[in-house]
Amino acid sequence: MLIESFIKYIRYELNLSACTVLSYSNDLKQFKAFMTDDGKREFDAVTVTASDIRAWVVQLVDKKDSARTVRRKLQALRAFYKYLLKRKLVESNPAQEVEVAKVPKRLPDCVRVENVDSMFDEEVDASDFEAVRDRLILLMLYTTGIRRAELIELKDKDVSASELKVHGKCNKDRLVPFGEELKFEIERYRKLKSEAVGDLAGEHFFVRRSGEPLYPSLVYRLVHERLSAAGGGSRFSPHVLRHTFASAMLNNGAGINSVKELLGHESLAATQVYTHITYSELKSNYEHAHPRALKKGG
């Protein structure tokens, strides 16, 4: 019952994302199964020790779970026992005493700006609803940095003449401004949407011809196909366009706090990873451009 109570707490009181709630729920059920030998014994969360949790971590490692996965599962336990501490059901957090190896940070994948720009070189048929919509999807992801889920959930009322009202993680809203090019594409799309979809369209801004909203795999396929054709990277997904937006903003002088707000990051640390990208690109450009950059000493 304590696990179920905790899951309700993080879902309804902390407003954590559905993905996080599901992950924590699965992780805690897995730990419960470990502690009860798959239901052969009663589970008493209050009597769990750090040694019990270490034994579980060893089992996870033996099963070849990645370091990243193990850290996430351990974080679920820490959050659970923090909740029990708050309710005064335990005197300490046993998961807090268990450490696992740090996961090396992998830099986000980005696509070179010139390759992304090439996707917009050719004009589309201004009378083709889906062609105009798809161009707008790509341009909006690239020029605002919003997430795929945020784009799909945009409502008509959220899109004004100069900014988007984006409903982000943890039910937090933010305003994202945009420029004249995106404004033009939005107006063109809205006109065609009215003609092609009409009364079938609901409250969602982006829709299919049926009037139904977009779905994640549709957006993924569109971005993957267009970025693959444009080249200039190794991974092609909507999130790569978000990374490319962030690094382009920083490369062109935007303040890191401004980029943090535009991306909807909770902490500055999540945005700071992009400073490593901009430095890497700066270093690479220097080594390719300066005649003595790679000359060895001595």
C-alpha atoms as a PDB file:
ATOM      1  CA  MET A   1       0.000   0.000   0.000  1.00  0.00           C
ATOM      2  CA  LEU A   2       2.884   2.378   0.702  1.00  0.00           C
ATOM      3  CA  ILE A   3       4.140   2.116  -2.874  1.00  0.00           C
ATOM      4  CA  GLU A   4       0.655   2.840  -4.249  1.00  0.00           C
ATOM      5  CA  SER A   5       0.344   5.807  -1.892  1.00  0.00           C
ATOM      6  CA  PHE A   6       3.721   7.148  -3.035  1.00  0.00           C
ATOM      7  CA  ILE A   7       2.794   6.792  -6.722  1.00  0.00           C
ATOM      8  CA  LYS A   8      -0.396   8.797  -6.146  1.00  0.00           C
ATOM      9  CA  TYR A   9       1.643  11.424  -4.300  1.00  0.00           C
ATOM     10  CA  ILE A  10       4.159  11.998  -7.121  1.00  0.00           C
ATOM     11  CA  ARG A  11       1.415  11.951  -9.728  1.00  0.00           C
ATOM     12  CA  TYR A  12      -1.198  14.216  -8.170  1.00  0.00           C
ATOM     13  CA  GLU A  13       0.724  16.345  -5.662  1.00  0.00           C
ATOM     14  CA  LEU A  14       4.156  16.677  -7.295  1.00  0.00           C
ATOM     15  CA  ASN A  15       2.708  16.612 -10.837  1.00  0.00           C
ATOM     16  CA  LEU A  16       5.582  14.553 -12.188  1.00  0.00           C
ATOM     17  CA  SER A  17       5.326  13.489 -15.818  1.00  0.00           C
ATOM     18  CA  ALA A  18       3.426  10.329 -16.735  1.00  0.00           C
ATOM     19  CA  CYS A  19       6.691   8.818 -17.989  1.00  0.00           C
ATOM     20  CA  THR A  20       8.438   9.408 -14.635  1.00  0.00           C
ATOM     21  CA  VAL A  21       5.477   8.073 -12.662  1.00  0.00           C
ATOM     22  CA  LEU A  22       5.397   4.888 -14.749  1.00  0.00           C
ATOM     23  CA  SER A  23       9.172   4.385 -14.457  1.00  0.00           C
ATOM     24  CA  TYR A  24       9.157   4.854 -10.666  1.00  0.00           C
ATOM     25  CA  SER A  25       6.183   2.533 -10.321  1.00  0.00           C
ATOM     26  CA  ASN A  26       7.892  -0.221 -12.324  1.00  0.00           C
ATOM     27  CA  ASP A  27      11.191   0.243 -10.474  1.00  0.00           C
ATOM     28  CA  LEU A  28       9.575   0.004  -7.048  1.00  0.00           C
ATOM     29  CA  LYS A  29       7.542  -3.056  -8.040  1.00  0.00           C
ATOM     30  CA  GLN A  30      10.772  -4.680  -9.238  1.00  0.00           C
ATOM     31  CA  PHE A  31      12.465  -3.920  -5.918  1.00  0.00           C
ATOM     32  CA  LYS A  32       9.461  -5.311  -4.045  1.00  0.00           C
ATOM     33  CA  ALA A  33       9.665  -8.525  -6.100  1.00  0.00           C
ATOM     34  CA  PHE A  34      13.369  -8.801  -5.225  1.00  0.00           C
ATOM     35  CA  MET A  35      12.730  -8.299  -1.519  1.00  0.00           C
ATOM     36  CA  THR A  36       9.853 -10.809  -1.397  1.00  0.00           C
ATOM     37  CA  ASP A  37      11.394 -13.411  -3.713  1.00  0.00           C
ATOM     38  CA  ASP A  38       8.596 -12.769  -6.218  1.00  0.00           C
ATOM     39  CA  GLY A  39       5.814 -12.662  -3.662  1.00  0.00           C
ATOM     40  CA  LYS A  40       6.845 -15.585  -1.458  1.00  0.00           C
ATOM     41  CA  ARG A  41       7.243 -13.275   1.554  1.00  0.00           C
ATOM     42  CA  GLU A  42       5.581 -10.140   2.848  1.00  0.00           C
ATOM     43  CA  PHE A  43       7.127  -6.809   1.856  1.00  0.00           C
ATOM     44  CA  ASP A  44       7.904  -4.458   4.739  1.00  0.00           C
ATOM     45  CA  ALA A  45       9.328  -1.227   3.349  1.00  0.00           C
ATOM     46  CA  VAL A  46      10.067   0.093   6.835  1.00  0.00           C
ATOM     47  CA  THR A  47      12.618  -2.645   7.636  1.00  0.00           C
ATOM     48  CA  VAL A  48      14.622  -2.333   4.398  1.00  0.00           C
ATOM     49  CA  THR A  49      18.330  -1.607   4.942  1.00  0.00           C
ATOM     50  CA  ALA A  50      21.089  -0.160   2.794  1.00  0.00           C
ATOM     51  CA  SER A  51      22.532  -3.707   2.552  1.00  0.00           C
ATOM     52  CA  ASP A  52      19.259  -4.920   1.005  1.00  0.00           C
ATOM     53  CA  ILE A  53      19.411  -2.170  -1.586  1.00  0.00           C
ATOM     54  CA  ARG A  54      23.088  -2.882  -2.352  1.00  0.00           C
ATOM     55  CA  ALA A  55      22.202  -6.538  -2.921  1.00  0.00           C
ATOM     56  CA  TRP A  56      19.518  -5.457  -5.380  1.00  0.00           C
ATOM     57  CA  VAL A  57      21.965  -3.182  -7.199  1.00  0.00           C
ATOM     58  CA  VAL A  58      24.411  -6.108  -7.496  1.00  0.00           C
ATOM     59  CA  GLN A  59      21.645  -8.216  -9.032  1.00  0.00           C
ATOM     60  CA  LEU A  60      20.815  -5.450 -11.521  1.00  0.00           C
ATOM     61  CA  VAL A  61      24.475  -5.188 -12.536  1.00  0.00           C
ATOM     62  CA  ASP A  62      24.703  -8.979 -12.909  1.00  0.00           C
ATOM     63  CA  LYS A  63      21.680  -8.817 -15.207  1.00  0.00           C
ATOM     64  CA  LYS A  64      23.640  -6.332 -17.372  1.00  0.00           C
ATOM     65  CA  ASP A  65      21.461  -3.305 -16.595  1.00  0.00           C
ATOM     66  CA  SER A  66      23.297  -0.170 -17.691  1.00  0.00           C
ATOM     67  CA  ALA A  67      24.755   2.253 -15.165  1.00  0.00           C
ATOM     68  CA  ARG A  68      22.181   4.815 -16.275  1.00  0.00           C
ATOM     69  CA  THR A  69      19.317   2.379 -15.634  1.00  0.00           C
ATOM     70  CA  VAL A  70      20.669   1.396 -12.218  1.00  0.00           C
ATOM     71  CA  ARG A  71      21.002   5.043 -11.200  1.00  0.00           C
ATOM     72  CA  ARG A  72      17.405   5.720 -12.229  1.00  0.00           C
ATOM     73  CA  LYS A  73      16.120   2.755 -10.224  1.00  0.00           C
ATOM     74  CA  LEU A  74      18.107   3.888  -7.216  1.00  0.00           C
ATOM     75  CA  GLN A  75      16.671   7.388  -7.608  1.00  0.00           C
ATOM     76  CA  ALA A  76      13.175   5.882  -7.484  1.00  0.00           C
ATOM     77  CA  LEU A  77      14.027   4.234  -4.156  1.00  0.00           C
ATOM     78  CA  ARG A  78      15.515   7.453  -2.780  1.00  0.00           C
ATOM     79  CA  ALA A  79      12.366   9.367  -3.681  1.00  0.00           C
ATOM     80  CA  PHE A  80      10.191   6.643  -2.121  1.00  0.00           C
ATOM     81  CA  TYR A  81      12.056   6.680   1.178  1.00  0.00           C
ATOM     82  CA  LYS A  82      12.156  10.454   1.198  1.00  0.00           C
ATOM     83  CA  TYR A  83       8.355  10.256   1.061  1.00  0.00           C
ATOM     84  CA  LEU A  84       8.313   7.757   3.949  1.00  0.00           C
ATOM     85  CA  LEU A  85      10.573  10.077   5.945  1.00  0.00           C
ATOM     86  CA  LYS A  86       8.150  12.923   5.342  1.00  0.00           C
ATOM     87  CA  ARG A  87       5.355  10.738   6.723  1.00  0.00           C
ATOM     88  CA  LYS A  88       7.589   9.782   9.697  1.00  0.00           C
ATOM     89  CA  LEU A  89       7.329   6.077   8.846  1.00  0.00           C
ATOM     90  CA  VAL A  90      11.107   5.602   8.768  1.00  0.00           C
ATOM     91  CA  GLU A  91      13.957   7.296  10.608  1.00  0.00           C
ATOM     92  CA  SER A  92      16.453   7.401   7.723  1.00  0.00           C
ATOM     93  CA  ASN A  93      16.684   6.944   3.981  1.00  0.00           C
ATOM     94  CA  PRO A  94      18.559   3.660   3.321  1.00  0.00           C
ATOM     95  CA  ALA A  95      18.801   4.356  -0.407  1.00  0.00           C
ATOM     96  CA  GLN A  96      20.742   7.549   0.326  1.00  0.00           C
ATOM     97  CA  GLU A  97      23.629   5.441   1.650  1.00  0.00           C
ATOM     98  CA  VAL A  98      24.022   3.481  -1.601  1.00  0.00           C
ATOM     99  CA  GLU A  99      26.218   4.892  -4.357  1.00  0.00           C
ATOM    100  CA  VAL A 100      26.735   3.655  -7.897  1.00  0.00           C
ATOM    101  CA  ALA A 101      29.239   4.693 -10.524  1.00  0.00           C
ATOM    102  CA  LYS A 102      28.558   8.020 -12.186  1.00  0.00           C
ATOM    103  CA  VAL A 103      27.325   7.923 -15.755  1.00  0.00           C
ATOM    104  CA  PRO A 104      29.549   9.942 -18.102  1.00  0.00           C
ATOM    105  CA  LYS A 105      27.573  12.720 -19.737  1.00  0.00           C
ATOM    106  CA  ARG A 106      27.076  12.250 -23.457  1.00  0.00           C
ATOM    107  CA  LEU A 107      26.845  15.468 -25.392  1.00  0.00           C
ATOM    108  CA  PRO A 108      23.482  15.941 -27.123  1.00  0.00           C
ATOM    109  CA  ASP A 109      23.431  15.258 -30.848  1.00  0.00           C
ATOM    110  CA  CYS A 110      23.165  18.305 -33.075  1.00  0.00           C
ATOM    111  CA  VAL A 111      22.956  18.922 -36.803  1.00  0.00           C
ATOM    112  CA  ARG A 112      25.035  21.613 -38.481  1.00  0.00           C
ATOM    113  CA  VAL A 113      23.023  24.776 -39.027  1.00  0.00           C
ATOM    114  CA  GLU A 114      23.693  24.836 -42.770  1.00  0.00           C
ATOM    115  CA  ASN A 115      22.275  21.314 -43.109  1.00  0.00           C
ATOM    116  CA  VAL A 116      19.107  22.228 -41.227  1.00  0.00           C
ATOM    117  CA  ASP A 117      18.739  25.402 -43.269  1.00  0.00           C
ATOM    118  CA  SER A 118      18.910  23.344 -46.464  1.00  0.00           C
ATOM    119  CA  MET A 119      15.563  21.746 -45.538  1.00  0.00           C
ATOM    120  CA  PHE A 120      13.912  25.112 -46.107  1.00  0.00           C
ATOM    121  CA  ASP A 121      15.681  26.054 -49.357  1.00  0.00           C
ATOM    122  CA  GLU A 122      12.947  24.666 -51.611  1.00  0.00           C
ATOM    123  CA  GLU A 123       9.482  26.218 -51.517  1.00  0.00           C
ATOM    124  CA  VAL A 124       6.483  23.947 -51.068  1.00  0.00           C
ATOM    125  CA  ASP A 125       3.189  23.941 -52.944  1.00  0.00           C
ATOM    126  CA  ALA A 126       1.257  26.697 -51.184  1.00  0.00           C
ATOM    127  CA  SER A 127      -2.026  24.875 -51.893  1.00  0.00           C
ATOM    128  CA  ASP A 128      -0.919  21.539 -50.379  1.00  0.00           C
ATOM    129  CA  PHE A 129      -2.183  21.391 -46.785  1.00  0.00           C
ATOM    130  CA  GLU A 130       0.119  18.581 -45.614  1.00  0.00           C
ATOM    131  CA  ALA A 131       3.214  20.028 -47.314  1.00  0.00           C
ATOM    132  CA  VAL A 132       2.645  23.428 -45.704  1.00  0.00           C
ATOM    133  CA  ARG A 133       1.890  21.812 -42.321  1.00  0.00           C
ATOM    134  CA  ASP A 134       5.022  19.636 -42.435  1.00  0.00           C
ATOM    135  CA  ARG A 135       7.234  22.595 -43.315  1.00  0.00           C
ATOM    136  CA  LEU A 136       5.754  24.519 -40.369  1.00  0.00           C
ATOM    137  CA  ILE A 137       6.359  21.583 -38.001  1.00  0.00           C
ATOM    138  CA  LEU A 138      10.047  21.448 -38.957  1.00  0.00           C
ATOM    139  CA  LEU A 139      10.469  25.217 -38.754  1.00  0.00           C
ATOM    140  CA  MET A 140       8.694  25.477 -35.402  1.00  0.00           C
ATOM    141  CA  LEU A 141      10.789  22.707 -33.810  1.00  0.00           C
ATOM    142  CA  TYR A 142      13.989  24.276 -35.099  1.00  0.00           C
ATOM    143  CA  THR A 143      13.265  27.941 -34.349  1.00  0.00           C
ATOM    144  CA  THR A 144      11.602  27.566 -30.925  1.00  0.00           C
ATOM    145  CA  GLY A 145      13.299  24.493 -29.449  1.00  0.00           C
ATOM    146  CA  ILE A 146      10.038  23.059 -28.117  1.00  0.00           C
ATOM    147  CA  ARG A 147       9.711  19.329 -27.454  1.00  0.00           C
ATOM    148  CA  ARG A 148       7.795  16.989 -29.771  1.00  0.00           C
ATOM    149  CA  ALA A 149       5.105  16.377 -27.120  1.00  0.00           C
ATOM    150  CA  GLU A 150       4.761  20.125 -26.574  1.00  0.00           C
ATOM    151  CA  LEU A 151       4.294  20.714 -30.309  1.00  0.00           C
ATOM    152  CA  ILE A 152       1.621  17.997 -30.561  1.00  0.00           C
ATOM    153  CA  GLU A 153      -0.259  19.404 -27.558  1.00  0.00           C
ATOM    154  CA  LEU A 154      -0.326  23.005 -28.838  1.00  0.00           C
ATOM    155  CA  LYS A 155      -3.870  24.351 -28.997  1.00  0.00           C
ATOM    156  CA  ASP A 156      -5.115  27.006 -31.423  1.00  0.00           C
ATOM    157  CA  LYS A 157      -5.448  29.474 -28.563  1.00  0.00           C
ATOM    158  CA  ASP A 158      -1.787  28.883 -27.613  1.00  0.00           C
ATOM    159  CA  VAL A 159      -0.462  30.285 -30.909  1.00  0.00           C
ATOM    160  CA  SER A 160      -0.564  34.065 -31.223  1.00  0.00           C
ATOM    161  CA  ALA A 161       1.004  36.401 -33.777  1.00  0.00           C
ATOM    162  CA  SER A 162       4.357  36.560 -32.004  1.00  0.00           C
ATOM    163  CA  GLU A 163       4.642  33.832 -29.355  1.00  0.00           C
ATOM    164  CA  LEU A 164       3.663  30.334 -28.311  1.00  0.00           C
ATOM    165  CA  LYS A 165       2.207  29.395 -24.956  1.00  0.00           C
ATOM    166  CA  VAL A 166       3.842  26.032 -24.340  1.00  0.00           C
ATOM    167  CA  HIS A 167       2.553  23.533 -21.790  1.00  0.00           C
ATOM    168  CA  GLY A 168       5.739  21.822 -20.600  1.00  0.00           C
ATOM    169  CA  LYS A 169       6.870  19.220 -18.094  1.00  0.00           C
ATOM    170  CA  CYS A 170       5.372  19.173 -14.600  1.00  0.00           C
ATOM    171  CA  ASN A 171       2.394  21.150 -15.935  1.00  0.00           C
ATOM    172  CA  LYS A 172       4.440  24.339 -16.232  1.00  0.00           C
ATOM    173  CA  ASP A 173       3.618  26.871 -18.947  1.00  0.00           C
ATOM    174  CA  ARG A 174       6.118  29.167 -20.648  1.00  0.00           C
ATOM    175  CA  LEU A 175       6.012  31.749 -23.418  1.00  0.00           C
ATOM    176  CA  VAL A 176       8.286  31.255 -26.428  1.00  0.00           C
ATOM    177  CA  PRO A 177       8.653  34.175 -28.878  1.00  0.00           C
ATOM    178  CA  PHE A 178       9.249  33.713 -32.607  1.00  0.00           C
ATOM    179  CA  GLY A 179      10.141  35.770 -35.661  1.00  0.00           C
ATOM    180  CA  GLU A 180       8.594  36.890 -38.927  1.00  0.00           C
ATOM    181  CA  GLU A 181       9.392  33.737 -40.922  1.00  0.00           C
ATOM    182  CA  LEU A 182       7.509  31.485 -38.511  1.00  0.00           C
ATOM    183  CA  LYS A 183       4.677  34.013 -38.320  1.00  0.00           C
ATOM    184  CA  PHE A 184       4.280  33.849 -42.110  1.00  0.00           C
ATOM    185  CA  GLU A 185       4.224  30.043 -42.108  1.00  0.00           C
ATOM    186  CA  ILE A 186       1.672  29.968 -39.273  1.00  0.00           C
ATOM    187  CA  GLU A 187      -0.677  32.306 -41.135  1.00  0.00           C
ATOM    188  CA  ARG A 188      -0.328  30.278 -44.341  1.00  0.00           C
ATOM    189  CA  TYR A 189      -1.016  27.022 -42.476  1.00  0.00           C
ATOM    190  CA  ARG A 190      -4.047  28.414 -40.651  1.00  0.00           C
ATOM    191  CA  LYS A 191      -5.623  29.509 -43.930  1.00  0.00           C
ATOM    192  CA  LEU A 192      -5.127  26.098 -45.523  1.00  0.00           C
ATOM    193  CA  LYS A 193      -6.249  24.305 -42.361  1.00  0.00           C
ATOM    194  CA  SER A 194      -9.532  26.204 -42.470  1.00  0.00           C
ATOM    195  CA  GLU A 195     -10.033  25.271 -46.127  1.00  0.00           C
ATOM    196  CA  ALA A 196      -8.869  21.643 -45.984  1.00  0.00           C
ATOM    197  CA  VAL A 197     -10.144  20.557 -42.571  1.00  0.00           C
ATOM    198  CA  GLY A 198     -12.845  23.054 -41.713  1.00  0.00           C
ATOM    199  CA  ASP A 199     -15.238  22.054 -38.951  1.00  0.00           C
ATOM    200  CA  LEU A 200     -13.491  18.700 -38.483  1.00  0.00           C
ATOM    201  CA  ALA A 201     -10.621  20.410 -36.632  1.00  0.00           C
ATOM    202  CA  GLY A 202     -10.790  20.404 -32.867  1.00  0.00           C
ATOM    203  CA  GLU A 203      -8.854  22.587 -30.468  1.00  0.00           C
ATOM    204  CA  HIS A 204      -5.399  21.318 -31.487  1.00  0.00           C
ATOM    205  CA  PHE A 205      -3.263  23.611 -33.623  1.00  0.00           C
ATOM    206  CA  PHE A 206      -1.601  20.850 -35.675  1.00  0.00           C
ATOM    207  CA  VAL A 207      -4.017  18.333 -37.158  1.00  0.00           C
ATOM    208  CA  ARG A 208      -4.314  15.700 -39.855  1.00  0.00           C
ATOM    209  CA  ARG A 209      -6.771  15.971 -42.751  1.00  0.00           C
ATOM    210  CA  SER A 210      -9.271  14.055 -40.621  1.00  0.00           C
ATOM    211  CA  GLY A 211      -9.129  16.832 -38.038  1.00  0.00           C
ATOM    212  CA  GLU A 212      -7.483  14.513 -35.517  1.00  0.00           C
ATOM    213  CA  PRO A 213      -4.321  15.716 -33.740  1.00  0.00           C
ATOM    214  CA  LEU A 214      -0.851  14.515 -34.707  1.00  0.00           C
ATOM    215  CA  TYR A 215       0.711  11.463 -33.076  1.00  0.00           C
ATOM    216  CA  PRO A 216       4.366  11.068 -31.991  1.00  0.00           C
ATOM    217  CA  SER A 217       5.519   8.629 -34.696  1.00  0.00           C
ATOM    218  CA  LEU A 218       4.165  10.890 -37.454  1.00  0.00           C
ATOM    219  CA  VAL A 219       6.301  13.793 -36.232  1.00  0.00           C
ATOM    220  CA  TYR A 220       9.310  11.523 -35.707  1.00  0.00           C
ATOM    221  CA  ARG A 221       9.113  10.068 -39.233  1.00  0.00           C
ATOM    222  CA  LEU A 222       8.800  13.521 -40.781  1.00  0.00           C
ATOM    223  CA  VAL A 223      11.858  14.887 -38.956  1.00  0.00           C
ATOM    224  CA  HIS A 224      13.890  11.712 -39.467  1.00  0.00           C
ATOM    225  CA  GLU A 225      13.262  11.647 -43.229  1.00  0.00           C
ATOM    226  CA  ARG A 226      13.984  15.345 -43.785  1.00  0.00           C
ATOM    227  CA  LEU A 227      17.086  15.455 -41.581  1.00  0.00           C
ATOM    228  CA  SER A 228      18.423  12.232 -43.091  1.00  0.00           C
ATOM    229  CA  ALA A 229      18.120  13.793 -46.527  1.00  0.00           C
ATOM    230  CA  ALA A 230      19.802  16.994 -45.328  1.00  0.00           C
ATOM    231  CA  GLY A 231      22.665  15.097 -43.634  1.00  0.00           C
ATOM    232  CA  GLY A 232      25.186  16.666 -41.305  1.00  0.00           C
ATOM    233  CA  GLY A 233      24.669  14.399 -38.307  1.00  0.00           C
ATOM    234  CA  SER A 234      24.400  10.831 -37.045  1.00  0.00           C
ATOM    235  CA  ARG A 235      21.004  10.951 -35.313  1.00  0.00           C
ATOM    236  CA  PHE A 236      17.834  12.401 -36.754  1.00  0.00           C
ATOM    237  CA  SER A 237      14.919  13.006 -34.407  1.00  0.00           C
ATOM    238  CA  PRO A 238      12.743  15.892 -33.178  1.00  0.00           C
ATOM    239  CA  HIS A 239      14.894  16.149 -30.048  1.00  0.00           C
ATOM    240  CA  VAL A 240      17.986  16.702 -32.214  1.00  0.00           C
ATOM    241  CA  LEU A 241      16.310  19.837 -33.584  1.00  0.00           C
ATOM    242  CA  ARG A 242      15.813  21.001 -29.989  1.00  0.00           C
ATOM    243  CA  HIS A 243      19.515  20.459 -29.279  1.00  0.00           C
ATOM    244  CA  THR A 244      20.445  22.239 -32.512  1.00  0.00           C
ATOM    245  CA  PHE A 245      18.263  25.215 -31.548  1.00  0.00           C
ATOM    246  CA  ALA A 246      19.967  25.493 -28.145  1.00  0.00           C
ATOM    247  CA  SER A 247      23.528  25.309 -29.456  1.00  0.00           C
ATOM    248  CA  ALA A 248      22.724  27.768 -32.289  1.00  0.00           C
ATOM    249  CA  MET A 249      21.312  30.267 -29.783  1.00  0.00           C
ATOM    250  CA  LEU A 250      24.409  30.066 -27.585  1.00  0.00           C
ATOM    251  CA  ASN A 251      26.770  30.214 -30.568  1.00  0.00           C
ATOM    252  CA  ASN A 252      25.100  33.431 -31.641  1.00  0.00           C
ATOM    253  CA  GLY A 253      25.413  35.184 -28.306  1.00  0.00           C
ATOM    254  CA  ALA A 254      22.204  34.342 -26.415  1.00  0.00           C
ATOM    255  CA  GLY A 255      22.591  34.298 -22.619  1.00  0.00           C
ATOM    256  CA  ILE A 256      22.452  30.887 -21.015  1.00  0.00           C
ATOM    257  CA  ASN A 257      19.645  31.930 -18.653  1.00  0.00           C
ATOM    258  CA  SER A 258      17.537  33.051 -21.601  1.00  0.00           C
ATOM    259  CA  VAL A 259      18.114  29.733 -23.371  1.00  0.00           C
ATOM    260  CA  LYS A 260      17.184  27.913 -20.152  1.00  0.00           C
ATOM    261  CA  GLU A 261      13.828  29.719 -20.039  1.00  0.00           C
ATOM    262  CA  LEU A 262      13.139  29.122 -23.735  1.00  0.00           C
ATOM    263  CA  LEU A 263      13.820  25.387 -23.353  1.00  0.00           C
ATOM    264  CA  GLY A 264      11.767  25.112 -20.181  1.00  0.00           C
ATOM    265  CA  HIS A 265      14.605  23.540 -18.193  1.00  0.00           C
ATOM    266  CA  GLU A 266      14.139  23.227 -14.436  1.00  0.00           C
ATOM    267  CA  SER A 267      17.813  23.863 -13.654  1.00  0.00           C
ATOM    268  CA  LEU A 268      20.689  25.708 -15.270  1.00  0.00           C
ATOM    269  CA  ALA A 269      22.750  22.496 -15.197  1.00  0.00           C
ATOM    270  CA  ALA A 270      20.496  20.970 -17.868  1.00  0.00           C
ATOM    271  CA  THR A 271      21.238  23.911 -20.169  1.00  0.00           C
ATOM    272  CA  GLN A 272      24.959  24.112 -19.421  1.00  0.00           C
ATOM    273  CA  VAL A 273      25.631  20.913 -21.365  1.00  0.00           C
ATOM    274  CA  TYR A 274      25.139  22.967 -24.530  1.00  0.00           C
ATOM    275  CA  THR A 275      28.073  25.198 -23.619  1.00  0.00           C
ATOM    276  CA  HIS A 276      30.274  22.120 -24.102  1.00  0.00           C
ATOM    277  CA  ILE A 277      28.879  21.742 -27.607  1.00  0.00           C
ATOM    278  CA  THR A 278      29.583  25.343 -28.514  1.00  0.00           C
ATOM    279  CA  TYR A 279      33.124  25.084 -27.125  1.00  0.00           C
ATOM    280  CA  SER A 280      33.731  21.846 -29.047  1.00  0.00           C
ATOM    281  CA  GLU A 281      32.599  23.485 -32.274  1.00  0.00           C
ATOM    282  CA  LEU A 282      34.737  26.551 -31.582  1.00  0.00           C
ATOM    283  CA  LYS A 283      37.790  24.344 -30.984  1.00  0.00           C
ATOM    284  CA  SER A 284      37.100  22.291 -34.108  1.00  0.00           C
ATOM    285  CA  ASN A 285      36.729  25.421 -36.251  1.00  0.00           C
ATOM    286  CA  TYR A 286      39.993  26.814 -34.872  1.00  0.00           C
ATOM    287  CA  GLU A 287      41.921  23.627 -35.605  1.00  0.00           C
ATOM    288  CA  HIS A 288      40.631  23.532 -39.161  1.00  0.00           C
ATOM    289  CA  ALA A 289      41.075  27.225 -39.872  1.00  0.00           C
ATOM    290  CA  HIS A 290      44.348  28.252 -38.255  1.00  0.00           C
ATOM    291  CA  PRO A 291      47.518  27.126 -40.095  1.00  0.00           C
ATOM    292  CA  ARG A 292      49.491  26.556 -36.882  1.00  0.00           C
ATOM    293  CA  ALA A 293      46.727  25.109 -34.699  1.00  0.00           C
ATOM    294  CA  LEU A 294      47.885  21.501 -35.121  1.00  0.00           C
ATOM    295  CA  LYS A 295      51.602  22.186 -35.429  1.00  0.00           C
ATOM    296  CA  LYS A 296      53.510  20.181 -32.832  1.00  0.00           C
ATOM    297  CA  GLY A 297      55.941  21.902 -30.515  1.00  0.00           C
ATOM    298  CA  GLY A 298      59.649  21.215 -30.283  1.00  0.00           C
END
